[in-house]
Amino acid sequence: MNSNLETFVPFDYKWRGVQRLAQTATPAHDTKFLVGLGRAFYWQSLLDTGAMASGSAIARAEGLDPSTVNELLRLTLLAPDIIEQLMAGRQPRRLTLMWFQRNPLPVDWQAQRDIITSFD
């Protein structure tokens, strides 16, 4: 029986002068997305505790457009495993905060997972 095992180790080649160095690929954290996600959960906690009455009240207090606040608040509806993936920097490259702000997000977690896998 001839079974070949294969191991994939992600790395990039970088040039340093005339030397070619191999560097392991590190997760690419989308800082804008992480800030947006943090703000969304903070704002949701303000709503849950009653410190703010609505997304519009948060927008007034933050000096933002109400639609911006409401778009970001939708991020709190993401499936926990998707949030974990994004926090670890393992999201598809084309999946950005702007995509979440401009596209509808289903409440169903499996439908969300299907959308995320469609980016691969």
PDB file of N, CA and C in Angstrom:
ATOM      1  N   MET A   1       0.849  -1.185   0.000  1.00  0.00           N
ATOM      2  CA  MET A   1       0.000   0.000   0.000  1.00  0.00           C
ATOM      3  C   MET A   1       0.890   1.243   0.000  1.00  0.00           C
ATOM      4  N   ASN A   2       0.674   2.090  -0.951  1.00  0.00           N
ATOM      5  CA  ASN A   2       1.477   3.288  -1.075  1.00  0.00           C
ATOM      6  C   ASN A   2       0.628   4.490  -0.679  1.00  0.00           C
ATOM      7  N   SER A   3       0.805   4.942   0.542  1.00  0.00           N
ATOM      8  CA  SER A   3       0.061   6.123   0.986  1.00  0.00           C
ATOM      9  C   SER A   3       1.065   7.226   1.302  1.00  0.00           C
ATOM     10  N   ASN A   4       0.893   8.321   0.650  1.00  0.00           N
ATOM     11  CA  ASN A   4       1.785   9.458   0.864  1.00  0.00           C
ATOM     12  C   ASN A   4       1.123  10.427   1.825  1.00  0.00           C
ATOM     13  N   LEU A   5       1.850  10.813   2.830  1.00  0.00           N
ATOM     14  CA  LEU A   5       1.371  11.819   3.763  1.00  0.00           C
ATOM     15  C   LEU A   5       1.927  13.164   3.336  1.00  0.00           C
ATOM     16  N   GLU A   6       1.123  14.148   3.460  1.00  0.00           N
ATOM     17  CA  GLU A   6       1.538  15.479   3.060  1.00  0.00           C
ATOM     18  C   GLU A   6       1.228  16.446   4.184  1.00  0.00           C
ATOM     19  N   THR A   7       2.163  17.326   4.470  1.00  0.00           N
ATOM     20  CA  THR A   7       1.980  18.342   5.492  1.00  0.00           C
ATOM     21  C   THR A   7       2.133  19.705   4.846  1.00  0.00           C
ATOM     22  N   PHE A   8       1.226  20.592   5.166  1.00  0.00           N
ATOM     23  CA  PHE A   8       1.278  21.948   4.627  1.00  0.00           C
ATOM     24  C   PHE A   8       1.654  22.899   5.744  1.00  0.00           C
ATOM     25  N   VAL A   9       2.723  23.632   5.564  1.00  0.00           N
ATOM     26  CA  VAL A   9       3.145  24.649   6.519  1.00  0.00           C
ATOM     27  C   VAL A   9       3.153  25.976   5.773  1.00  0.00           C
ATOM     28  N   PRO A  10       2.243  26.885   6.123  1.00  0.00           N
ATOM     29  CA  PRO A  10       2.182  28.148   5.395  1.00  0.00           C
ATOM     30  C   PRO A  10       3.370  29.045   5.737  1.00  0.00           C
ATOM     31  N   PHE A  11       4.071  29.485   4.720  1.00  0.00           N
ATOM     32  CA  PHE A  11       5.140  30.450   4.929  1.00  0.00           C
ATOM     33  C   PHE A  11       5.374  31.231   3.652  1.00  0.00           C
ATOM     34  N   ASP A  12       6.002  32.365   3.827  1.00  0.00           N
ATOM     35  CA  ASP A  12       6.330  33.242   2.710  1.00  0.00           C
ATOM     36  C   ASP A  12       7.840  33.374   2.613  1.00  0.00           C
ATOM     37  N   TYR A  13       8.302  33.619   1.403  1.00  0.00           N
ATOM     38  CA  TYR A  13       9.714  33.926   1.220  1.00  0.00           C
ATOM     39  C   TYR A  13       9.877  35.437   1.221  1.00  0.00           C
ATOM     40  N   LYS A  14      10.833  35.924   1.988  1.00  0.00           N
ATOM     41  CA  LYS A  14      11.162  37.345   2.024  1.00  0.00           C
ATOM     42  C   LYS A  14      12.621  37.495   1.637  1.00  0.00           C
ATOM     43  N   TRP A  15      12.911  38.558   0.942  1.00  0.00           N
ATOM     44  CA  TRP A  15      14.283  38.828   0.553  1.00  0.00           C
ATOM     45  C   TRP A  15      14.895  39.814   1.548  1.00  0.00           C
ATOM     46  N   ARG A  16      16.090  39.496   2.012  1.00  0.00           N
ATOM     47  CA  ARG A  16      16.866  40.411   2.850  1.00  0.00           C
ATOM     48  C   ARG A  16      18.226  40.548   2.188  1.00  0.00           C
ATOM     49  N   GLY A  17      18.372  41.610   1.437  1.00  0.00           N
ATOM     50  CA  GLY A  17      19.578  41.750   0.634  1.00  0.00           C
ATOM     51  C   GLY A  17      19.565  40.695  -0.457  1.00  0.00           C
ATOM     52  N   VAL A  18      20.579  39.835  -0.453  1.00  0.00           N
ATOM     53  CA  VAL A  18      20.644  38.767  -1.443  1.00  0.00           C
ATOM     54  C   VAL A  18      20.181  37.439  -0.860  1.00  0.00           C
ATOM     55  N   GLN A  19      19.851  37.450   0.430  1.00  0.00           N
ATOM     56  CA  GLN A  19      19.390  36.226   1.087  1.00  0.00           C
ATOM     57  C   GLN A  19      17.887  36.068   0.945  1.00  0.00           C
ATOM     58  N   ARG A  20      17.483  34.861   0.745  1.00  0.00           N
ATOM     59  CA  ARG A  20      16.050  34.543   0.681  1.00  0.00           C
ATOM     60  C   ARG A  20      15.695  33.822   1.970  1.00  0.00           C
ATOM     61  N   LEU A  21      14.826  34.425   2.771  1.00  0.00           N
ATOM     62  CA  LEU A  21      14.446  33.881   4.064  1.00  0.00           C
ATOM     63  C   LEU A  21      13.019  33.360   4.024  1.00  0.00           C
ATOM     64  N   ALA A  22      12.784  32.251   4.705  1.00  0.00           N
ATOM     65  CA  ALA A  22      11.429  31.716   4.834  1.00  0.00           C
ATOM     66  C   ALA A  22      10.851  32.202   6.155  1.00  0.00           C
ATOM     67  N   GLN A  23       9.663  32.771   6.083  1.00  0.00           N
ATOM     68  CA  GLN A  23       8.982  33.235   7.287  1.00  0.00           C
ATOM     69  C   GLN A  23       7.629  32.556   7.366  1.00  0.00           C
ATOM     70  N   THR A  24       7.276  32.108   8.565  1.00  0.00           N
ATOM     71  CA  THR A  24       5.962  31.499   8.714  1.00  0.00           C
ATOM     72  C   THR A  24       4.908  32.583   8.614  1.00  0.00           C
ATOM     73  N   ALA A  25       3.799  32.231   8.008  1.00  0.00           N
ATOM     74  CA  ALA A  25       2.695  33.179   7.846  1.00  0.00           C
ATOM     75  C   ALA A  25       1.981  33.336   9.179  1.00  0.00           C
ATOM     76  N   THR A  26       1.779  34.569   9.567  1.00  0.00           N
ATOM     77  CA  THR A  26       1.064  34.843  10.804  1.00  0.00           C
ATOM     78  C   THR A  26      -0.360  35.249  10.455  1.00  0.00           C
ATOM     79  N   PRO A  27      -1.291  35.063  11.384  1.00  0.00           N
ATOM     80  CA  PRO A  27      -2.660  35.475  11.103  1.00  0.00           C
ATOM     81  C   PRO A  27      -2.718  36.969  10.799  1.00  0.00           C
ATOM     82  N   ALA A  28      -3.561  37.327   9.872  1.00  0.00           N
ATOM     83  CA  ALA A  28      -3.712  38.729   9.483  1.00  0.00           C
ATOM     84  C   ALA A  28      -4.934  39.302  10.190  1.00  0.00           C
ATOM     85  N   HIS A  29      -4.702  40.028  11.254  1.00  0.00           N
ATOM     86  CA  HIS A  29      -5.804  40.634  11.984  1.00  0.00           C
ATOM     87  C   HIS A  29      -6.254  41.899  11.261  1.00  0.00           C
ATOM     88  N   ASP A  30      -7.540  42.006  11.083  1.00  0.00           N
ATOM     89  CA  ASP A  30      -8.127  43.190  10.476  1.00  0.00           C
ATOM     90  C   ASP A  30      -8.460  44.145  11.616  1.00  0.00           C
ATOM     91  N   THR A  31      -7.581  45.110  11.847  1.00  0.00           N
ATOM     92  CA  THR A  31      -7.713  46.004  12.993  1.00  0.00           C
ATOM     93  C   THR A  31      -9.011  46.790  12.959  1.00  0.00           C
ATOM     94  N   LYS A  32      -9.388  47.298  11.788  1.00  0.00           N
ATOM     95  CA  LYS A  32     -10.640  48.054  11.684  1.00  0.00           C
ATOM     96  C   LYS A  32     -11.828  47.187  12.078  1.00  0.00           C
ATOM     97  N   PHE A  33     -11.782  45.935  11.631  1.00  0.00           N
ATOM     98  CA  PHE A  33     -12.887  45.043  11.971  1.00  0.00           C
ATOM     99  C   PHE A  33     -12.927  44.778  13.472  1.00  0.00           C
ATOM    100  N   LEU A  34     -11.770  44.547  14.084  1.00  0.00           N
ATOM    101  CA  LEU A  34     -11.731  44.270  15.517  1.00  0.00           C
ATOM    102  C   LEU A  34     -12.198  45.461  16.339  1.00  0.00           C
ATOM    103  N   VAL A  35     -11.844  46.662  15.912  1.00  0.00           N
ATOM    104  CA  VAL A  35     -12.322  47.867  16.599  1.00  0.00           C
ATOM    105  C   VAL A  35     -13.837  47.978  16.463  1.00  0.00           C
ATOM    106  N   GLY A  36     -14.347  47.751  15.251  1.00  0.00           N
ATOM    107  CA  GLY A  36     -15.790  47.790  15.023  1.00  0.00           C
ATOM    108  C   GLY A  36     -16.529  46.756  15.845  1.00  0.00           C
ATOM    109  N   LEU A  37     -15.965  45.562  15.929  1.00  0.00           N
ATOM    110  CA  LEU A  37     -16.581  44.500  16.722  1.00  0.00           C
ATOM    111  C   LEU A  37     -16.595  44.863  18.201  1.00  0.00           C
ATOM    112  N   GLY A  38     -15.497  45.405  18.685  1.00  0.00           N
ATOM    113  CA  GLY A  38     -15.434  45.840  20.085  1.00  0.00           C
ATOM    114  C   GLY A  38     -16.444  46.928  20.392  1.00  0.00           C
ATOM    115  N   ARG A  39     -16.549  47.896  19.492  1.00  0.00           N
ATOM    116  CA  ARG A  39     -17.528  48.965  19.687  1.00  0.00           C
ATOM    117  C   ARG A  39     -18.946  48.417  19.685  1.00  0.00           C
ATOM    118  N   ALA A  40     -19.215  47.483  18.784  1.00  0.00           N
ATOM    119  CA  ALA A  40     -20.559  46.906  18.699  1.00  0.00           C
ATOM    120  C   ALA A  40     -20.944  46.219  20.003  1.00  0.00           C
ATOM    121  N   PHE A  41     -20.043  45.430  20.566  1.00  0.00           N
ATOM    122  CA  PHE A  41     -20.369  44.739  21.816  1.00  0.00           C
ATOM    123  C   PHE A  41     -20.455  45.708  22.997  1.00  0.00           C
ATOM    124  N   TYR A  42     -19.647  46.759  22.971  1.00  0.00           N
ATOM    125  CA  TYR A  42     -19.753  47.776  24.012  1.00  0.00           C
ATOM    126  C   TYR A  42     -21.108  48.471  23.935  1.00  0.00           C
ATOM    127  N   TRP A  43     -21.487  48.870  22.722  1.00  0.00           N
ATOM    128  CA  TRP A  43     -22.781  49.528  22.554  1.00  0.00           C
ATOM    129  C   TRP A  43     -23.933  48.606  22.924  1.00  0.00           C
ATOM    130  N   GLN A  44     -23.805  47.326  22.604  1.00  0.00           N
ATOM    131  CA  GLN A  44     -24.858  46.375  22.964  1.00  0.00           C
ATOM    132  C   GLN A  44     -24.976  46.277  24.479  1.00  0.00           C
ATOM    133  N   SER A  45     -23.847  46.328  25.180  1.00  0.00           N
ATOM    134  CA  SER A  45     -23.908  46.284  26.648  1.00  0.00           C
ATOM    135  C   SER A  45     -24.572  47.546  27.201  1.00  0.00           C
ATOM    136  N   LEU A  46     -24.353  48.697  26.535  1.00  0.00           N
ATOM    137  CA  LEU A  46     -25.040  49.923  26.959  1.00  0.00           C
ATOM    138  C   LEU A  46     -26.551  49.788  26.799  1.00  0.00           C
ATOM    139  N   LEU A  47     -26.964  49.149  25.709  1.00  0.00           N
ATOM    140  CA  LEU A  47     -28.398  48.938  25.487  1.00  0.00           C
ATOM    141  C   LEU A  47     -28.959  47.922  26.476  1.00  0.00           C
ATOM    142  N   ASP A  48     -28.213  46.845  26.720  1.00  0.00           N
ATOM    143  CA  ASP A  48     -28.687  45.790  27.623  1.00  0.00           C
ATOM    144  C   ASP A  48     -28.831  46.284  29.056  1.00  0.00           C
ATOM    145  N   THR A  49     -27.925  47.156  29.498  1.00  0.00           N
ATOM    146  CA  THR A  49     -27.978  47.652  30.877  1.00  0.00           C
ATOM    147  C   THR A  49     -28.915  48.831  31.038  1.00  0.00           C
ATOM    148  N   GLY A  50     -29.385  49.390  29.919  1.00  0.00           N
ATOM    149  CA  GLY A  50     -30.276  50.540  29.979  1.00  0.00           C
ATOM    150  C   GLY A  50     -29.547  51.866  30.083  1.00  0.00           C
ATOM    151  N   ALA A  51     -28.215  51.845  29.967  1.00  0.00           N
ATOM    152  CA  ALA A  51     -27.455  53.096  30.017  1.00  0.00           C
ATOM    153  C   ALA A  51     -27.787  53.982  28.819  1.00  0.00           C
ATOM    154  N   MET A  52     -28.135  53.372  27.708  1.00  0.00           N
ATOM    155  CA  MET A  52     -28.582  54.089  26.517  1.00  0.00           C
ATOM    156  C   MET A  52     -29.904  53.484  26.076  1.00  0.00           C
ATOM    157  N   ALA A  53     -30.792  54.326  25.586  1.00  0.00           N
ATOM    158  CA  ALA A  53     -32.137  53.855  25.233  1.00  0.00           C
ATOM    159  C   ALA A  53     -32.192  53.221  23.845  1.00  0.00           C
ATOM    160  N   SER A  54     -31.323  53.667  22.933  1.00  0.00           N
ATOM    161  CA  SER A  54     -31.420  53.178  21.557  1.00  0.00           C
ATOM    162  C   SER A  54     -30.103  53.401  20.819  1.00  0.00           C
ATOM    163  N   GLY A  55     -30.050  52.837  19.623  1.00  0.00           N
ATOM    164  CA  GLY A  55     -28.896  53.070  18.765  1.00  0.00           C
ATOM    165  C   GLY A  55     -28.779  54.529  18.384  1.00  0.00           C
ATOM    166  N   SER A  56     -29.908  55.198  18.243  1.00  0.00           N
ATOM    167  CA  SER A  56     -29.888  56.626  17.918  1.00  0.00           C
ATOM    168  C   SER A  56     -29.286  57.443  19.057  1.00  0.00           C
ATOM    169  N   ALA A  57     -29.588  57.056  20.291  1.00  0.00           N
ATOM    170  CA  ALA A  57     -29.012  57.755  21.445  1.00  0.00           C
ATOM    171  C   ALA A  57     -27.497  57.549  21.495  1.00  0.00           C
ATOM    172  N   ILE A  58     -27.055  56.344  21.183  1.00  0.00           N
ATOM    173  CA  ILE A  58     -25.619  56.070  21.130  1.00  0.00           C
ATOM    174  C   ILE A  58     -24.975  56.913  20.035  1.00  0.00           C
ATOM    175  N   ALA A  59     -25.620  56.996  18.880  1.00  0.00           N
ATOM    176  CA  ALA A  59     -25.092  57.787  17.764  1.00  0.00           C
ATOM    177  C   ALA A  59     -24.951  59.253  18.152  1.00  0.00           C
ATOM    178  N   ARG A  60     -25.956  59.799  18.832  1.00  0.00           N
ATOM    179  CA  ARG A  60     -25.870  61.195  19.279  1.00  0.00           C
ATOM    180  C   ARG A  60     -24.713  61.381  20.250  1.00  0.00           C
ATOM    181  N   ALA A  61     -24.568  60.448  21.203  1.00  0.00           N
ATOM    182  CA  ALA A  61     -23.499  60.555  22.197  1.00  0.00           C
ATOM    183  C   ALA A  61     -22.111  60.404  21.570  1.00  0.00           C
ATOM    184  N   GLU A  62     -22.002  59.587  20.549  1.00  0.00           N
ATOM    185  CA  GLU A  62     -20.708  59.325  19.900  1.00  0.00           C
ATOM    186  C   GLU A  62     -20.439  60.273  18.735  1.00  0.00           C
ATOM    187  N   GLY A  63     -21.436  61.058  18.339  1.00  0.00           N
ATOM    188  CA  GLY A  63     -21.273  61.955  17.203  1.00  0.00           C
ATOM    189  C   GLY A  63     -21.216  61.216  15.874  1.00  0.00           C
ATOM    190  N   LEU A  64     -21.974  60.123  15.788  1.00  0.00           N
ATOM    191  CA  LEU A  64     -22.001  59.297  14.584  1.00  0.00           C
ATOM    192  C   LEU A  64     -23.382  59.318  13.955  1.00  0.00           C
ATOM    193  N   ASP A  65     -23.436  58.864  12.726  1.00  0.00           N
ATOM    194  CA  ASP A  65     -24.715  58.701  12.056  1.00  0.00           C
ATOM    195  C   ASP A  65     -25.415  57.474  12.639  1.00  0.00           C
ATOM    196  N   PRO A  66     -26.720  57.531  12.886  1.00  0.00           N
ATOM    197  CA  PRO A  66     -27.417  56.365  13.457  1.00  0.00           C
ATOM    198  C   PRO A  66     -27.273  55.091  12.628  1.00  0.00           C
ATOM    199  N   SER A  67     -27.178  55.232  11.298  1.00  0.00           N
ATOM    200  CA  SER A  67     -27.036  54.033  10.473  1.00  0.00           C
ATOM    201  C   SER A  67     -25.706  53.336  10.731  1.00  0.00           C
ATOM    202  N   THR A  68     -24.658  54.095  11.024  1.00  0.00           N
ATOM    203  CA  THR A  68     -23.353  53.502  11.339  1.00  0.00           C
ATOM    204  C   THR A  68     -23.445  52.654  12.595  1.00  0.00           C
ATOM    205  N   VAL A  69     -24.083  53.194  13.614  1.00  0.00           N
ATOM    206  CA  VAL A  69     -24.237  52.462  14.879  1.00  0.00           C
ATOM    207  C   VAL A  69     -25.055  51.202  14.657  1.00  0.00           C
ATOM    208  N   ASN A  70     -26.166  51.321  13.948  1.00  0.00           N
ATOM    209  CA  ASN A  70     -27.029  50.164  13.718  1.00  0.00           C
ATOM    210  C   ASN A  70     -26.346  49.098  12.865  1.00  0.00           C
ATOM    211  N   GLU A  71     -25.543  49.525  11.884  1.00  0.00           N
ATOM    212  CA  GLU A  71     -24.808  48.557  11.058  1.00  0.00           C
ATOM    213  C   GLU A  71     -23.795  47.783  11.907  1.00  0.00           C
ATOM    214  N   LEU A  72     -23.112  48.500  12.789  1.00  0.00           N
ATOM    215  CA  LEU A  72     -22.122  47.824  13.639  1.00  0.00           C
ATOM    216  C   LEU A  72     -22.788  46.943  14.700  1.00  0.00           C
ATOM    217  N   LEU A  73     -23.932  47.360  15.193  1.00  0.00           N
ATOM    218  CA  LEU A  73     -24.633  46.546  16.189  1.00  0.00           C
ATOM    219  C   LEU A  73     -25.029  45.176  15.631  1.00  0.00           C
ATOM    220  N   ARG A  74     -25.193  45.082  14.313  1.00  0.00           N
ATOM    221  CA  ARG A  74     -25.515  43.783  13.711  1.00  0.00           C
ATOM    222  C   ARG A  74     -24.404  42.765  13.927  1.00  0.00           C
ATOM    223  N   LEU A  75     -23.165  43.241  14.154  1.00  0.00           N
ATOM    224  CA  LEU A  75     -22.053  42.319  14.374  1.00  0.00           C
ATOM    225  C   LEU A  75     -22.229  41.486  15.635  1.00  0.00           C
ATOM    226  N   THR A  76     -23.040  41.969  16.572  1.00  0.00           N
ATOM    227  CA  THR A  76     -23.273  41.202  17.800  1.00  0.00           C
ATOM    228  C   THR A  76     -24.122  39.963  17.537  1.00  0.00           C
ATOM    229  N   LEU A  77     -24.699  39.874  16.348  1.00  0.00           N
ATOM    230  CA  LEU A  77     -25.515  38.716  15.980  1.00  0.00           C
ATOM    231  C   LEU A  77     -24.702  37.596  15.333  1.00  0.00           C
ATOM    232  N   LEU A  78     -23.405  37.821  15.141  1.00  0.00           N
ATOM    233  CA  LEU A  78     -22.561  36.800  14.508  1.00  0.00           C
ATOM    234  C   LEU A  78     -22.446  35.556  15.378  1.00  0.00           C
ATOM    235  N   ALA A  79     -22.320  34.419  14.731  1.00  0.00           N
ATOM    236  CA  ALA A  79     -22.130  33.149  15.438  1.00  0.00           C
ATOM    237  C   ALA A  79     -20.818  33.205  16.232  1.00  0.00           C
ATOM    238  N   PRO A  80     -20.792  32.625  17.430  1.00  0.00           N
ATOM    239  CA  PRO A  80     -19.582  32.672  18.265  1.00  0.00           C
ATOM    240  C   PRO A  80     -18.337  32.115  17.568  1.00  0.00           C
ATOM    241  N   ASP A  81     -18.487  31.063  16.795  1.00  0.00           N
ATOM    242  CA  ASP A  81     -17.314  30.496  16.125  1.00  0.00           C
ATOM    243  C   ASP A  81     -16.793  31.426  15.031  1.00  0.00           C
ATOM    244  N   ILE A  82     -17.658  32.210  14.426  1.00  0.00           N
ATOM    245  CA  ILE A  82     -17.219  33.183  13.417  1.00  0.00           C
ATOM    246  C   ILE A  82     -16.464  34.312  14.106  1.00  0.00           C
ATOM    247  N   ILE A  83     -16.975  34.769  15.238  1.00  0.00           N
ATOM    248  CA  ILE A  83     -16.283  35.815  15.998  1.00  0.00           C
ATOM    249  C   ILE A  83     -14.903  35.313  16.422  1.00  0.00           C
ATOM    250  N   GLU A  84     -14.833  34.078  16.885  1.00  0.00           N
ATOM    251  CA  GLU A  84     -13.555  33.494  17.281  1.00  0.00           C
ATOM    252  C   GLU A  84     -12.582  33.447  16.099  1.00  0.00           C
ATOM    253  N   GLN A  85     -13.084  33.064  14.942  1.00  0.00           N
ATOM    254  CA  GLN A  85     -12.264  33.014  13.728  1.00  0.00           C
ATOM    255  C   GLN A  85     -11.731  34.405  13.376  1.00  0.00           C
ATOM    256  N   LEU A  86     -12.581  35.407  13.470  1.00  0.00           N
ATOM    257  CA  LEU A  86     -12.182  36.779  13.155  1.00  0.00           C
ATOM    258  C   LEU A  86     -11.185  37.317  14.177  1.00  0.00           C
ATOM    259  N   MET A  87     -11.402  36.992  15.444  1.00  0.00           N
ATOM    260  CA  MET A  87     -10.486  37.437  16.490  1.00  0.00           C
ATOM    261  C   MET A  87      -9.113  36.794  16.347  1.00  0.00           C
ATOM    262  N   ALA A  88      -9.071  35.599  15.807  1.00  0.00           N
ATOM    263  CA  ALA A  88      -7.804  34.889  15.613  1.00  0.00           C
ATOM    264  C   ALA A  88      -7.104  35.307  14.320  1.00  0.00           C
ATOM    265  N   GLY A  89      -7.761  36.128  13.516  1.00  0.00           N
ATOM    266  CA  GLY A  89      -7.165  36.579  12.265  1.00  0.00           C
ATOM    267  C   GLY A  89      -7.237  35.560  11.154  1.00  0.00           C
ATOM    268  N   ARG A  90      -8.186  34.638  11.239  1.00  0.00           N
ATOM    269  CA  ARG A  90      -8.312  33.581  10.232  1.00  0.00           C
ATOM    270  C   ARG A  90      -9.481  33.823   9.271  1.00  0.00           C
ATOM    271  N   GLN A  91      -9.917  35.054   9.154  1.00  0.00           N
ATOM    272  CA  GLN A  91     -11.028  35.363   8.256  1.00  0.00           C
ATOM    273  C   GLN A  91     -10.531  35.383   6.814  1.00  0.00           C
ATOM    274  N   PRO A  92     -11.419  35.129   5.875  1.00  0.00           N
ATOM    275  CA  PRO A  92     -11.038  35.286   4.471  1.00  0.00           C
ATOM    276  C   PRO A  92     -10.596  36.729   4.201  1.00  0.00           C
ATOM    277  N   ARG A  93      -9.624  36.896   3.340  1.00  0.00           N
ATOM    278  CA  ARG A  93      -9.056  38.230   3.097  1.00  0.00           C
ATOM    279  C   ARG A  93     -10.069  39.246   2.620  1.00  0.00           C
ATOM    280  N   ARG A  94     -11.021  38.825   1.811  1.00  0.00           N
ATOM    281  CA  ARG A  94     -12.000  39.770   1.259  1.00  0.00           C
ATOM    282  C   ARG A  94     -13.129  40.092   2.231  1.00  0.00           C
ATOM    283  N   LEU A  95     -13.194  39.406   3.349  1.00  0.00           N
ATOM    284  CA  LEU A  95     -14.251  39.644   4.326  1.00  0.00           C
ATOM    285  C   LEU A  95     -13.811  40.774   5.251  1.00  0.00           C
ATOM    286  N   THR A  96     -14.376  41.952   5.034  1.00  0.00           N
ATOM    287  CA  THR A  96     -13.960  43.143   5.775  1.00  0.00           C
ATOM    288  C   THR A  96     -15.141  43.736   6.526  1.00  0.00           C
ATOM    289  N   LEU A  97     -14.824  44.703   7.357  1.00  0.00           N
ATOM    290  CA  LEU A  97     -15.867  45.422   8.074  1.00  0.00           C
ATOM    291  C   LEU A  97     -16.819  46.101   7.091  1.00  0.00           C
ATOM    292  N   MET A  98     -16.261  46.645   6.026  1.00  0.00           N
ATOM    293  CA  MET A  98     -17.085  47.304   5.008  1.00  0.00           C
ATOM    294  C   MET A  98     -18.094  46.323   4.399  1.00  0.00           C
ATOM    295  N   TRP A  99     -17.676  45.066   4.199  1.00  0.00           N
ATOM    296  CA  TRP A  99     -18.601  44.084   3.649  1.00  0.00           C
ATOM    297  C   TRP A  99     -19.780  43.895   4.605  1.00  0.00           C
ATOM    298  N   PHE A 100     -19.499  43.788   5.904  1.00  0.00           N
ATOM    299  CA  PHE A 100     -20.578  43.604   6.873  1.00  0.00           C
ATOM    300  C   PHE A 100     -21.493  44.817   6.935  1.00  0.00           C
ATOM    301  N   GLN A 101     -20.947  45.999   6.710  1.00  0.00           N
ATOM    302  CA  GLN A 101     -21.772  47.199   6.769  1.00  0.00           C
ATOM    303  C   GLN A 101     -22.658  47.344   5.538  1.00  0.00           C
ATOM    304  N   ARG A 102     -22.238  46.786   4.416  1.00  0.00           N
ATOM    305  CA  ARG A 102     -22.983  46.997   3.169  1.00  0.00           C
ATOM    306  C   ARG A 102     -23.847  45.826   2.743  1.00  0.00           C
ATOM    307  N   ASN A 103     -23.760  44.703   3.448  1.00  0.00           N
ATOM    308  CA  ASN A 103     -24.523  43.518   3.058  1.00  0.00           C
ATOM    309  C   ASN A 103     -25.387  43.038   4.210  1.00  0.00           C
ATOM    310  N   PRO A 104     -26.541  42.479   3.881  1.00  0.00           N
ATOM    311  CA  PRO A 104     -27.412  41.959   4.944  1.00  0.00           C
ATOM    312  C   PRO A 104     -26.763  40.761   5.633  1.00  0.00           C
ATOM    313  N   LEU A 105     -27.013  40.651   6.915  1.00  0.00           N
ATOM    314  CA  LEU A 105     -26.465  39.555   7.712  1.00  0.00           C
ATOM    315  C   LEU A 105     -27.627  38.712   8.234  1.00  0.00           C
ATOM    316  N   PRO A 106     -27.696  37.453   7.826  1.00  0.00           N
ATOM    317  CA  PRO A 106     -28.796  36.618   8.336  1.00  0.00           C
ATOM    318  C   PRO A 106     -28.617  36.350   9.829  1.00  0.00           C
ATOM    319  N   VAL A 107     -29.710  36.172  10.520  1.00  0.00           N
ATOM    320  CA  VAL A 107     -29.659  35.879  11.949  1.00  0.00           C
ATOM    321  C   VAL A 107     -29.280  34.415  12.173  1.00  0.00           C
ATOM    322  N   ASP A 108     -29.642  33.553  11.236  1.00  0.00           N
ATOM    323  CA  ASP A 108     -29.345  32.132  11.339  1.00  0.00           C
ATOM    324  C   ASP A 108     -27.836  31.899  11.249  1.00  0.00           C
ATOM    325  N   TRP A 109     -27.273  31.239  12.280  1.00  0.00           N
ATOM    326  CA  TRP A 109     -25.826  31.042  12.342  1.00  0.00           C
ATOM    327  C   TRP A 109     -25.309  30.154  11.229  1.00  0.00           C
ATOM    328  N   GLN A 110     -26.065  29.148  10.821  1.00  0.00           N
ATOM    329  CA  GLN A 110     -25.592  28.285   9.734  1.00  0.00           C
ATOM    330  C   GLN A 110     -25.537  29.058   8.419  1.00  0.00           C
ATOM    331  N   ALA A 111     -26.508  29.926   8.193  1.00  0.00           N
ATOM    332  CA  ALA A 111     -26.488  30.765   6.991  1.00  0.00           C
ATOM    333  C   ALA A 111     -25.274  31.701   7.011  1.00  0.00           C
ATOM    334  N   GLN A 112     -24.917  32.198   8.201  1.00  0.00           N
ATOM    335  CA  GLN A 112     -23.715  33.028   8.329  1.00  0.00           C
ATOM    336  C   GLN A 112     -22.465  32.225   7.976  1.00  0.00           C
ATOM    337  N   ARG A 113     -22.391  30.998   8.484  1.00  0.00           N
ATOM    338  CA  ARG A 113     -21.236  30.141   8.186  1.00  0.00           C
ATOM    339  C   ARG A 113     -21.137  29.878   6.683  1.00  0.00           C
ATOM    340  N   ASP A 114     -22.278  29.690   6.041  1.00  0.00           N
ATOM    341  CA  ASP A 114     -22.283  29.466   4.593  1.00  0.00           C
ATOM    342  C   ASP A 114     -21.738  30.676   3.853  1.00  0.00           C
ATOM    343  N   ILE A 115     -22.092  31.862   4.308  1.00  0.00           N
ATOM    344  CA  ILE A 115     -21.584  33.091   3.687  1.00  0.00           C
ATOM    345  C   ILE A 115     -20.068  33.178   3.865  1.00  0.00           C
ATOM    346  N   ILE A 116     -19.583  32.893   5.066  1.00  0.00           N
ATOM    347  CA  ILE A 116     -18.146  32.967   5.331  1.00  0.00           C
ATOM    348  C   ILE A 116     -17.384  31.969   4.469  1.00  0.00           C
ATOM    349  N   THR A 117     -17.900  30.755   4.343  1.00  0.00           N
ATOM    350  CA  THR A 117     -17.202  29.752   3.527  1.00  0.00           C
ATOM    351  C   THR A 117     -17.274  30.085   2.042  1.00  0.00           C
ATOM    352  N   SER A 118     -18.261  30.868   1.622  1.00  0.00           N
ATOM    353  CA  SER A 118     -18.335  31.254   0.214  1.00  0.00           C
ATOM    354  C   SER A 118     -17.219  32.198  -0.193  1.00  0.00           C
ATOM    355  N   PHE A 119     -16.544  32.798   0.760  1.00  0.00           N
ATOM    356  CA  PHE A 119     -15.434  33.697   0.481  1.00  0.00           C
ATOM    357  C   PHE A 119     -14.152  32.928   0.162  1.00  0.00           C
ATOM    358  N   ASP A 120     -14.068  31.666   0.549  1.00  0.00           N
ATOM    359  CA  ASP A 120     -12.831  30.889   0.344  1.00  0.00           C
ATOM    360  C   ASP A 120     -12.641  30.484  -1.088  1.00  0.00           C
TER     361      ASP A 120
END
